[in-house]
Each structure stands twice: as structure tokens, then as C-alpha cells.
Amino acid sequence: MTRFPEFTESMEDGDKELLTATLRAAEAELNPRVWGTLFEEGVLFLAADKLSRSRLGEPLRDPDEPAAQSTYAVEFERLVRIASMGARVI
């Protein structure tokens, strides 16, 4: 995930499998026909949001608001709105 190096900086045993499983789960959740050209972008931001809530994302969370919405979730929601309107541009 070169797009989000913050998740690969301090990898431990099993983290590569976690990254792979999270990316596959994100791909399975999104329909490429609905997302069109935004599919890869949507998968990356959905996976990044999922990872931000995993142990890999612990250093990225605000200790004062651990349940706050991540910037990845905010961007994914924006992409969802674009995809749902049928727009195919970013």
C-alpha cells in the first residue's frame, strides 16, 4: 500500500496477511460496475479506513477521540457520493 505508507512503517509478524485480507475484503464489498473508474480509489480508501481501526492504525488515532471518524472514512464517503450519482471523475 504505497498510497498509505503509514500502515507499512512498523510492520510485525502477520501484518502483511492483515493488509492482504483487508484489501480483499474491501474489493469484495465494492461492485466494480457501480464504481467504474473510481473502483481502485474506493478500495484503497475503504481498506485504509478498515486498517485505521485495526491494530495497525493505533498510532494514527487521536487519543482524545479514539472513536472519531478517520480521514480515510471521510474521503471514502465522498467517493461513495460521487459513485452513487453516476459520476465517473474525481
PDB file of N, CA and C in Angstrom:
ATOM      1  N   MET A   1       0.843  -1.183   0.000  1.00  0.00           N
ATOM      2  CA  MET A   1       0.000   0.000   0.000  1.00  0.00           C
ATOM      3  C   MET A   1       0.884   1.240   0.000  1.00  0.00           C
ATOM      4  N   THR A   2       1.494   1.486  -1.119  1.00  0.00           N
ATOM      5  CA  THR A   2       2.376   2.642  -1.218  1.00  0.00           C
ATOM      6  C   THR A   2       1.606   3.948  -1.090  1.00  0.00           C
ATOM      7  N   ARG A   3       0.320   3.919  -1.351  1.00  0.00           N
ATOM      8  CA  ARG A   3      -0.503   5.124  -1.229  1.00  0.00           C
ATOM      9  C   ARG A   3      -0.619   5.566   0.227  1.00  0.00           C
ATOM     10  N   PHE A   4      -0.594   4.606   1.145  1.00  0.00           N
ATOM     11  CA  PHE A   4      -0.714   4.895   2.569  1.00  0.00           C
ATOM     12  C   PHE A   4       0.436   4.233   3.330  1.00  0.00           C
ATOM     13  N   PRO A   5       1.641   4.806   3.247  1.00  0.00           N
ATOM     14  CA  PRO A   5       2.811   4.178   3.876  1.00  0.00           C
ATOM     15  C   PRO A   5       2.726   4.126   5.396  1.00  0.00           C
ATOM     16  N   GLU A   6       1.843   4.900   5.985  1.00  0.00           N
ATOM     17  CA  GLU A   6       1.730   4.901   7.440  1.00  0.00           C
ATOM     18  C   GLU A   6       1.342   3.536   8.005  1.00  0.00           C
ATOM     19  N   PHE A   7       0.750   2.692   7.164  1.00  0.00           N
ATOM     20  CA  PHE A   7       0.360   1.366   7.627  1.00  0.00           C
ATOM     21  C   PHE A   7       1.476   0.331   7.468  1.00  0.00           C
ATOM     22  N   THR A   8       2.508   0.663   6.734  1.00  0.00           N
ATOM     23  CA  THR A   8       3.579  -0.307   6.495  1.00  0.00           C
ATOM     24  C   THR A   8       4.891   0.070   7.176  1.00  0.00           C
ATOM     25  N   GLU A   9       4.910   1.184   7.888  1.00  0.00           N
ATOM     26  CA  GLU A   9       6.149   1.652   8.508  1.00  0.00           C
ATOM     27  C   GLU A   9       6.672   0.716   9.591  1.00  0.00           C
ATOM     28  N   SER A  10       5.813   0.227  10.436  1.00  0.00           N
ATOM     29  CA  SER A  10       6.269  -0.623  11.549  1.00  0.00           C
ATOM     30  C   SER A  10       5.515  -1.949  11.528  1.00  0.00           C
ATOM     31  N   MET A  11       5.736  -2.711  10.471  1.00  0.00           N
ATOM     32  CA  MET A  11       5.031  -3.979  10.313  1.00  0.00           C
ATOM     33  C   MET A  11       5.648  -5.056  11.190  1.00  0.00           C
ATOM     34  N   GLU A  12       4.770  -5.879  11.747  1.00  0.00           N
ATOM     35  CA  GLU A  12       5.184  -7.008  12.574  1.00  0.00           C
ATOM     36  C   GLU A  12       4.738  -8.294  11.893  1.00  0.00           C
ATOM     37  N   ASP A  13       5.012  -9.414  12.546  1.00  0.00           N
ATOM     38  CA  ASP A  13       4.570 -10.706  12.013  1.00  0.00           C
ATOM     39  C   ASP A  13       3.054 -10.712  11.865  1.00  0.00           C
ATOM     40  N   GLY A  14       2.594 -11.154  10.726  1.00  0.00           N
ATOM     41  CA  GLY A  14       1.163 -11.254  10.482  1.00  0.00           C
ATOM     42  C   GLY A  14       0.536 -10.011   9.887  1.00  0.00           C
ATOM     43  N   ASP A  15       1.271  -8.894   9.874  1.00  0.00           N
ATOM     44  CA  ASP A  15       0.700  -7.655   9.356  1.00  0.00           C
ATOM     45  C   ASP A  15       0.499  -7.687   7.845  1.00  0.00           C
ATOM     46  N   LYS A  16       1.384  -8.378   7.137  1.00  0.00           N
ATOM     47  CA  LYS A  16       1.226  -8.476   5.682  1.00  0.00           C
ATOM     48  C   LYS A  16      -0.066  -9.220   5.350  1.00  0.00           C
ATOM     49  N   GLU A  17      -0.348 -10.264   6.115  1.00  0.00           N
ATOM     50  CA  GLU A  17      -1.583 -11.021   5.907  1.00  0.00           C
ATOM     51  C   GLU A  17      -2.802 -10.164   6.227  1.00  0.00           C
ATOM     52  N   LEU A  18      -2.688  -9.332   7.266  1.00  0.00           N
ATOM     53  CA  LEU A  18      -3.781  -8.426   7.627  1.00  0.00           C
ATOM     54  C   LEU A  18      -4.036  -7.426   6.505  1.00  0.00           C
ATOM     55  N   LEU A  19      -2.966  -6.870   5.942  1.00  0.00           N
ATOM     56  CA  LEU A  19      -3.107  -5.937   4.818  1.00  0.00           C
ATOM     57  C   LEU A  19      -3.784  -6.609   3.625  1.00  0.00           C
ATOM     58  N   THR A  20      -3.321  -7.789   3.285  1.00  0.00           N
ATOM     59  CA  THR A  20      -3.879  -8.520   2.148  1.00  0.00           C
ATOM     60  C   THR A  20      -5.347  -8.846   2.372  1.00  0.00           C
ATOM     61  N   ALA A  21      -5.676  -9.333   3.550  1.00  0.00           N
ATOM     62  CA  ALA A  21      -7.069  -9.685   3.855  1.00  0.00           C
ATOM     63  C   ALA A  21      -7.966  -8.454   3.839  1.00  0.00           C
ATOM     64  N   THR A  22      -7.456  -7.334   4.329  1.00  0.00           N
ATOM     65  CA  THR A  22      -8.248  -6.105   4.353  1.00  0.00           C
ATOM     66  C   THR A  22      -8.501  -5.593   2.938  1.00  0.00           C
ATOM     67  N   LEU A  23      -7.486  -5.641   2.087  1.00  0.00           N
ATOM     68  CA  LEU A  23      -7.676  -5.223   0.693  1.00  0.00           C
ATOM     69  C   LEU A  23      -8.673  -6.128  -0.024  1.00  0.00           C
ATOM     70  N   ARG A  24      -8.577  -7.419   0.197  1.00  0.00           N
ATOM     71  CA  ARG A  24      -9.522  -8.357  -0.432  1.00  0.00           C
ATOM     72  C   ARG A  24     -10.943  -8.121   0.066  1.00  0.00           C
ATOM     73  N   ALA A  25     -11.089  -7.851   1.353  1.00  0.00           N
ATOM     74  CA  ALA A  25     -12.418  -7.585   1.909  1.00  0.00           C
ATOM     75  C   ALA A  25     -13.006  -6.312   1.304  1.00  0.00           C
ATOM     76  N   ALA A  26     -12.175  -5.291   1.151  1.00  0.00           N
ATOM     77  CA  ALA A  26     -12.648  -4.038   0.557  1.00  0.00           C
ATOM     78  C   ALA A  26     -13.052  -4.259  -0.901  1.00  0.00           C
ATOM     79  N   GLU A  27     -12.268  -5.032  -1.640  1.00  0.00           N
ATOM     80  CA  GLU A  27     -12.615  -5.340  -3.035  1.00  0.00           C
ATOM     81  C   GLU A  27     -13.934  -6.092  -3.120  1.00  0.00           C
ATOM     82  N   ALA A  28     -14.165  -6.998  -2.181  1.00  0.00           N
ATOM     83  CA  ALA A  28     -15.395  -7.796  -2.193  1.00  0.00           C
ATOM     84  C   ALA A  28     -16.622  -6.955  -1.844  1.00  0.00           C
ATOM     85  N   GLU A  29     -16.426  -5.890  -1.073  1.00  0.00           N
ATOM     86  CA  GLU A  29     -17.557  -5.050  -0.660  1.00  0.00           C
ATOM     87  C   GLU A  29     -18.028  -4.105  -1.758  1.00  0.00           C
ATOM     88  N   LEU A  30     -17.139  -3.764  -2.675  1.00  0.00           N
ATOM     89  CA  LEU A  30     -17.490  -2.784  -3.705  1.00  0.00           C
ATOM     90  C   LEU A  30     -17.751  -3.474  -5.036  1.00  0.00           C
ATOM     91  N   ASN A  31     -18.732  -2.981  -5.750  1.00  0.00           N
ATOM     92  CA  ASN A  31     -19.085  -3.520  -7.058  1.00  0.00           C
ATOM     93  C   ASN A  31     -18.366  -2.704  -8.138  1.00  0.00           C
ATOM     94  N   PRO A  32     -17.461  -3.322  -8.893  1.00  0.00           N
ATOM     95  CA  PRO A  32     -16.713  -2.575  -9.909  1.00  0.00           C
ATOM     96  C   PRO A  32     -17.611  -1.944 -10.973  1.00  0.00           C
ATOM     97  N   ARG A  33     -18.734  -2.562 -11.263  1.00  0.00           N
ATOM     98  CA  ARG A  33     -19.643  -1.997 -12.276  1.00  0.00           C
ATOM     99  C   ARG A  33     -20.286  -0.707 -11.781  1.00  0.00           C
ATOM    100  N   VAL A  34     -20.570  -0.636 -10.499  1.00  0.00           N
ATOM    101  CA  VAL A  34     -21.166   0.569  -9.924  1.00  0.00           C
ATOM    102  C   VAL A  34     -20.108   1.659  -9.763  1.00  0.00           C
ATOM    103  N   TRP A  35     -18.920   1.262  -9.330  1.00  0.00           N
ATOM    104  CA  TRP A  35     -17.870   2.225  -9.035  1.00  0.00           C
ATOM    105  C   TRP A  35     -17.123   2.704 -10.277  1.00  0.00           C
ATOM    106  N   GLY A  36     -17.121   1.926 -11.331  1.00  0.00           N
ATOM    107  CA  GLY A  36     -16.445   2.336 -12.562  1.00  0.00           C
ATOM    108  C   GLY A  36     -14.986   2.670 -12.332  1.00  0.00           C
ATOM    109  N   THR A  37     -14.575   3.822 -12.834  1.00  0.00           N
ATOM    110  CA  THR A  37     -13.169   4.222 -12.732  1.00  0.00           C
ATOM    111  C   THR A  37     -12.751   4.567 -11.311  1.00  0.00           C
ATOM    112  N   LEU A  38     -13.704   4.717 -10.422  1.00  0.00           N
ATOM    113  CA  LEU A  38     -13.391   5.025  -9.026  1.00  0.00           C
ATOM    114  C   LEU A  38     -13.170   3.774  -8.176  1.00  0.00           C
ATOM    115  N   PHE A  39     -13.261   2.598  -8.799  1.00  0.00           N
ATOM    116  CA  PHE A  39     -13.190   1.351  -8.037  1.00  0.00           C
ATOM    117  C   PHE A  39     -11.895   1.224  -7.240  1.00  0.00           C
ATOM    118  N   GLU A  40     -10.757   1.378  -7.884  1.00  0.00           N
ATOM    119  CA  GLU A  40      -9.475   1.212  -7.181  1.00  0.00           C
ATOM    120  C   GLU A  40      -9.320   2.235  -6.063  1.00  0.00           C
ATOM    121  N   GLU A  41      -9.711   3.467  -6.348  1.00  0.00           N
ATOM    122  CA  GLU A  41      -9.635   4.525  -5.335  1.00  0.00           C
ATOM    123  C   GLU A  41     -10.535   4.188  -4.142  1.00  0.00           C
ATOM    124  N   GLY A  42     -11.736   3.726  -4.438  1.00  0.00           N
ATOM    125  CA  GLY A  42     -12.666   3.338  -3.378  1.00  0.00           C
ATOM    126  C   GLY A  42     -12.133   2.195  -2.540  1.00  0.00           C
ATOM    127  N   VAL A  43     -11.551   1.198  -3.198  1.00  0.00           N
ATOM    128  CA  VAL A  43     -10.981   0.049  -2.476  1.00  0.00           C
ATOM    129  C   VAL A  43      -9.867   0.515  -1.542  1.00  0.00           C
ATOM    130  N   LEU A  44      -8.994   1.384  -2.030  1.00  0.00           N
ATOM    131  CA  LEU A  44      -7.876   1.844  -1.204  1.00  0.00           C
ATOM    132  C   LEU A  44      -8.354   2.610   0.023  1.00  0.00           C
ATOM    133  N   PHE A  45      -9.312   3.524  -0.163  1.00  0.00           N
ATOM    134  CA  PHE A  45      -9.775   4.308   0.978  1.00  0.00           C
ATOM    135  C   PHE A  45     -10.611   3.480   1.939  1.00  0.00           C
ATOM    136  N   LEU A  46     -11.396   2.541   1.433  1.00  0.00           N
ATOM    137  CA  LEU A  46     -12.152   1.656   2.317  1.00  0.00           C
ATOM    138  C   LEU A  46     -11.196   0.779   3.125  1.00  0.00           C
ATOM    139  N   ALA A  47     -10.185   0.236   2.462  1.00  0.00           N
ATOM    140  CA  ALA A  47      -9.191  -0.588   3.159  1.00  0.00           C
ATOM    141  C   ALA A  47      -8.421   0.245   4.187  1.00  0.00           C
ATOM    142  N   ALA A  48      -8.049   1.465   3.818  1.00  0.00           N
ATOM    143  CA  ALA A  48      -7.322   2.330   4.755  1.00  0.00           C
ATOM    144  C   ALA A  48      -8.175   2.647   5.977  1.00  0.00           C
ATOM    145  N   ASP A  49      -9.472   2.865   5.773  1.00  0.00           N
ATOM    146  CA  ASP A  49     -10.348   3.116   6.918  1.00  0.00           C
ATOM    147  C   ASP A  49     -10.424   1.887   7.813  1.00  0.00           C
ATOM    148  N   LYS A  50     -10.550   0.719   7.204  1.00  0.00           N
ATOM    149  CA  LYS A  50     -10.588  -0.523   7.988  1.00  0.00           C
ATOM    150  C   LYS A  50      -9.272  -0.704   8.762  1.00  0.00           C
ATOM    151  N   LEU A  51      -8.158  -0.434   8.105  1.00  0.00           N
ATOM    152  CA  LEU A  51      -6.855  -0.580   8.762  1.00  0.00           C
ATOM    153  C   LEU A  51      -6.674   0.439   9.885  1.00  0.00           C
ATOM    154  N   SER A  52      -7.247   1.626   9.712  1.00  0.00           N
ATOM    155  CA  SER A  52      -7.112   2.645  10.759  1.00  0.00           C
ATOM    156  C   SER A  52      -7.820   2.221  12.036  1.00  0.00           C
ATOM    157  N   ARG A  53      -8.784   1.311  11.918  1.00  0.00           N
ATOM    158  CA  ARG A  53      -9.494   0.806  13.097  1.00  0.00           C
ATOM    159  C   ARG A  53      -8.886  -0.493  13.622  1.00  0.00           C
ATOM    160  N   SER A  54      -7.838  -0.978  12.944  1.00  0.00           N
ATOM    161  CA  SER A  54      -7.158  -2.203  13.384  1.00  0.00           C
ATOM    162  C   SER A  54      -5.961  -1.820  14.251  1.00  0.00           C
ATOM    163  N   ARG A  55      -5.210  -2.821  14.670  1.00  0.00           N
ATOM    164  CA  ARG A  55      -4.026  -2.527  15.485  1.00  0.00           C
ATOM    165  C   ARG A  55      -2.971  -1.759  14.689  1.00  0.00           C
ATOM    166  N   LEU A  56      -2.976  -1.878  13.368  1.00  0.00           N
ATOM    167  CA  LEU A  56      -2.024  -1.112  12.557  1.00  0.00           C
ATOM    168  C   LEU A  56      -2.314   0.385  12.615  1.00  0.00           C
ATOM    169  N   GLY A  57      -3.558   0.742  12.876  1.00  0.00           N
ATOM    170  CA  GLY A  57      -3.939   2.147  12.908  1.00  0.00           C
ATOM    171  C   GLY A  57      -3.887   2.786  14.280  1.00  0.00           C
ATOM    172  N   GLU A  58      -3.535   2.021  15.295  1.00  0.00           N
ATOM    173  CA  GLU A  58      -3.500   2.568  16.654  1.00  0.00           C
ATOM    174  C   GLU A  58      -2.655   3.836  16.774  1.00  0.00           C
ATOM    175  N   PRO A  59      -1.452   3.880  16.190  1.00  0.00           N
ATOM    176  CA  PRO A  59      -0.649   5.108  16.317  1.00  0.00           C
ATOM    177  C   PRO A  59      -1.266   6.313  15.603  1.00  0.00           C
ATOM    178  N   LEU A  60      -2.176   6.083  14.673  1.00  0.00           N
ATOM    179  CA  LEU A  60      -2.774   7.170  13.905  1.00  0.00           C
ATOM    180  C   LEU A  60      -4.003   7.771  14.581  1.00  0.00           C
ATOM    181  N   ARG A  61      -4.572   7.061  15.556  1.00  0.00           N
ATOM    182  CA  ARG A  61      -5.801   7.517  16.207  1.00  0.00           C
ATOM    183  C   ARG A  61      -5.528   8.637  17.198  1.00  0.00           C
ATOM    184  N   ASP A  62      -6.481   9.541  17.295  1.00  0.00           N
ATOM    185  CA  ASP A  62      -6.423  10.627  18.269  1.00  0.00           C
ATOM    186  C   ASP A  62      -6.738  10.044  19.645  1.00  0.00           C
ATOM    187  N   PRO A  63      -5.800  10.124  20.588  1.00  0.00           N
ATOM    188  CA  PRO A  63      -6.057   9.531  21.905  1.00  0.00           C
ATOM    189  C   PRO A  63      -7.216  10.203  22.647  1.00  0.00           C
ATOM    190  N   ASP A  64      -7.497  11.460  22.318  1.00  0.00           N
ATOM    191  CA  ASP A  64      -8.602  12.165  22.967  1.00  0.00           C
ATOM    192  C   ASP A  64      -9.955  11.770  22.389  1.00  0.00           C
ATOM    193  N   GLU A  65      -9.967  11.348  21.126  1.00  0.00           N
ATOM    194  CA  GLU A  65     -11.205  10.919  20.466  1.00  0.00           C
ATOM    195  C   GLU A  65     -10.945   9.641  19.674  1.00  0.00           C
ATOM    196  N   PRO A  66     -10.766   8.517  20.351  1.00  0.00           N
ATOM    197  CA  PRO A  66     -10.422   7.274  19.647  1.00  0.00           C
ATOM    198  C   PRO A  66     -11.515   6.770  18.703  1.00  0.00           C
ATOM    199  N   ALA A  67     -12.759   7.187  18.906  1.00  0.00           N
ATOM    200  CA  ALA A  67     -13.858   6.731  18.048  1.00  0.00           C
ATOM    201  C   ALA A  67     -14.157   7.714  16.918  1.00  0.00           C
ATOM    202  N   ALA A  68     -13.357   8.758  16.796  1.00  0.00           N
ATOM    203  CA  ALA A  68     -13.590   9.760  15.754  1.00  0.00           C
ATOM    204  C   ALA A  68     -13.438   9.150  14.367  1.00  0.00           C
ATOM    205  N   GLN A  69     -14.168   9.705  13.418  1.00  0.00           N
ATOM    206  CA  GLN A  69     -14.121   9.213  12.040  1.00  0.00           C
ATOM    207  C   GLN A  69     -12.756   9.544  11.432  1.00  0.00           C
ATOM    208  N   SER A  70     -12.165   8.578  10.750  1.00  0.00           N
ATOM    209  CA  SER A  70     -10.846   8.789  10.155  1.00  0.00           C
ATOM    210  C   SER A  70     -10.958   9.635   8.891  1.00  0.00           C
ATOM    211  N   THR A  71      -9.835  10.231   8.501  1.00  0.00           N
ATOM    212  CA  THR A  71      -9.823  10.991   7.252  1.00  0.00           C
ATOM    213  C   THR A  71     -10.072  10.069   6.063  1.00  0.00           C
ATOM    214  N   TYR A  72      -9.703   8.796   6.217  1.00  0.00           N
ATOM    215  CA  TYR A  72      -9.951   7.820   5.155  1.00  0.00           C
ATOM    216  C   TYR A  72     -11.454   7.585   4.998  1.00  0.00           C
ATOM    217  N   ALA A  73     -12.166   7.532   6.115  1.00  0.00           N
ATOM    218  CA  ALA A  73     -13.624   7.338   6.071  1.00  0.00           C
ATOM    219  C   ALA A  73     -14.302   8.539   5.434  1.00  0.00           C
ATOM    220  N   VAL A  74     -13.826   9.731   5.752  1.00  0.00           N
ATOM    221  CA  VAL A  74     -14.397  10.947   5.172  1.00  0.00           C
ATOM    222  C   VAL A  74     -14.213  10.939   3.658  1.00  0.00           C
ATOM    223  N   GLU A  75     -13.026  10.591   3.197  1.00  0.00           N
ATOM    224  CA  GLU A  75     -12.765  10.541   1.754  1.00  0.00           C
ATOM    225  C   GLU A  75     -13.559   9.424   1.095  1.00  0.00           C
ATOM    226  N   PHE A  76     -13.691   8.278   1.751  1.00  0.00           N
ATOM    227  CA  PHE A  76     -14.479   7.187   1.187  1.00  0.00           C
ATOM    228  C   PHE A  76     -15.938   7.611   1.039  1.00  0.00           C
ATOM    229  N   GLU A  77     -16.481   8.308   2.021  1.00  0.00           N
ATOM    230  CA  GLU A  77     -17.861   8.794   1.924  1.00  0.00           C
ATOM    231  C   GLU A  77     -18.029   9.741   0.744  1.00  0.00           C
ATOM    232  N   ARG A  78     -17.029  10.588   0.512  1.00  0.00           N
ATOM    233  CA  ARG A  78     -17.079  11.497  -0.638  1.00  0.00           C
ATOM    234  C   ARG A  78     -17.112  10.696  -1.936  1.00  0.00           C
ATOM    235  N   LEU A  79     -16.283   9.664  -2.017  1.00  0.00           N
ATOM    236  CA  LEU A  79     -16.263   8.818  -3.208  1.00  0.00           C
ATOM    237  C   LEU A  79     -17.582   8.073  -3.382  1.00  0.00           C
ATOM    238  N   VAL A  80     -18.189   7.652  -2.288  1.00  0.00           N
ATOM    239  CA  VAL A  80     -19.491   6.976  -2.356  1.00  0.00           C
ATOM    240  C   VAL A  80     -20.528   7.910  -2.962  1.00  0.00           C
ATOM    241  N   ARG A  81     -20.525   9.166  -2.529  1.00  0.00           N
ATOM    242  CA  ARG A  81     -21.492  10.139  -3.085  1.00  0.00           C
ATOM    243  C   ARG A  81     -21.275  10.323  -4.584  1.00  0.00           C
ATOM    244  N   ILE A  82     -20.031  10.406  -4.996  1.00  0.00           N
ATOM    245  CA  ILE A  82     -19.738  10.578  -6.423  1.00  0.00           C
ATOM    246  C   ILE A  82     -20.190   9.353  -7.204  1.00  0.00           C
ATOM    247  N   ALA A  83     -19.842   8.171  -6.715  1.00  0.00           N
ATOM    248  CA  ALA A  83     -20.219   6.933  -7.410  1.00  0.00           C
ATOM    249  C   ALA A  83     -21.731   6.770  -7.453  1.00  0.00           C
ATOM    250  N   SER A  84     -22.415   7.148  -6.379  1.00  0.00           N
ATOM    251  CA  SER A  84     -23.867   6.972  -6.343  1.00  0.00           C
ATOM    252  C   SER A  84     -24.578   7.936  -7.285  1.00  0.00           C
ATOM    253  N   MET A  85     -23.947   9.041  -7.612  1.00  0.00           N
ATOM    254  CA  MET A  85     -24.536   9.987  -8.564  1.00  0.00           C
ATOM    255  C   MET A  85     -24.240   9.584 -10.003  1.00  0.00           C
ATOM    256  N   GLY A  86     -23.445   8.558 -10.158  1.00  0.00           N
ATOM    257  CA  GLY A  86     -23.105   8.117 -11.504  1.00  0.00           C
ATOM    258  C   GLY A  86     -21.940   8.881 -12.099  1.00  0.00           C
ATOM    259  N   ALA A  87     -21.316   9.739 -11.306  1.00  0.00           N
ATOM    260  CA  ALA A  87     -20.160  10.487 -11.799  1.00  0.00           C
ATOM    261  C   ALA A  87     -18.975   9.541 -11.907  1.00  0.00           C
ATOM    262  N   ARG A  88     -18.156   9.752 -12.882  1.00  0.00           N
ATOM    263  CA  ARG A  88     -17.001   8.886 -13.079  1.00  0.00           C
ATOM    264  C   ARG A  88     -15.699   9.678 -13.080  1.00  0.00           C
ATOM    265  N   VAL A  89     -15.711  10.838 -12.456  1.00  0.00           N
ATOM    266  CA  VAL A  89     -14.492  11.647 -12.370  1.00  0.00           C
ATOM    267  C   VAL A  89     -14.250  12.020 -10.923  1.00  0.00           C
ATOM    268  N   ILE A  90     -13.003  12.299 -10.604  1.00  0.00           N
ATOM    269  CA  ILE A  90     -12.665  12.708  -9.232  1.00  0.00           C
ATOM    270  C   ILE A  90     -12.559  14.210  -9.200  1.00  0.00           C
TER     271      ILE A  90
END
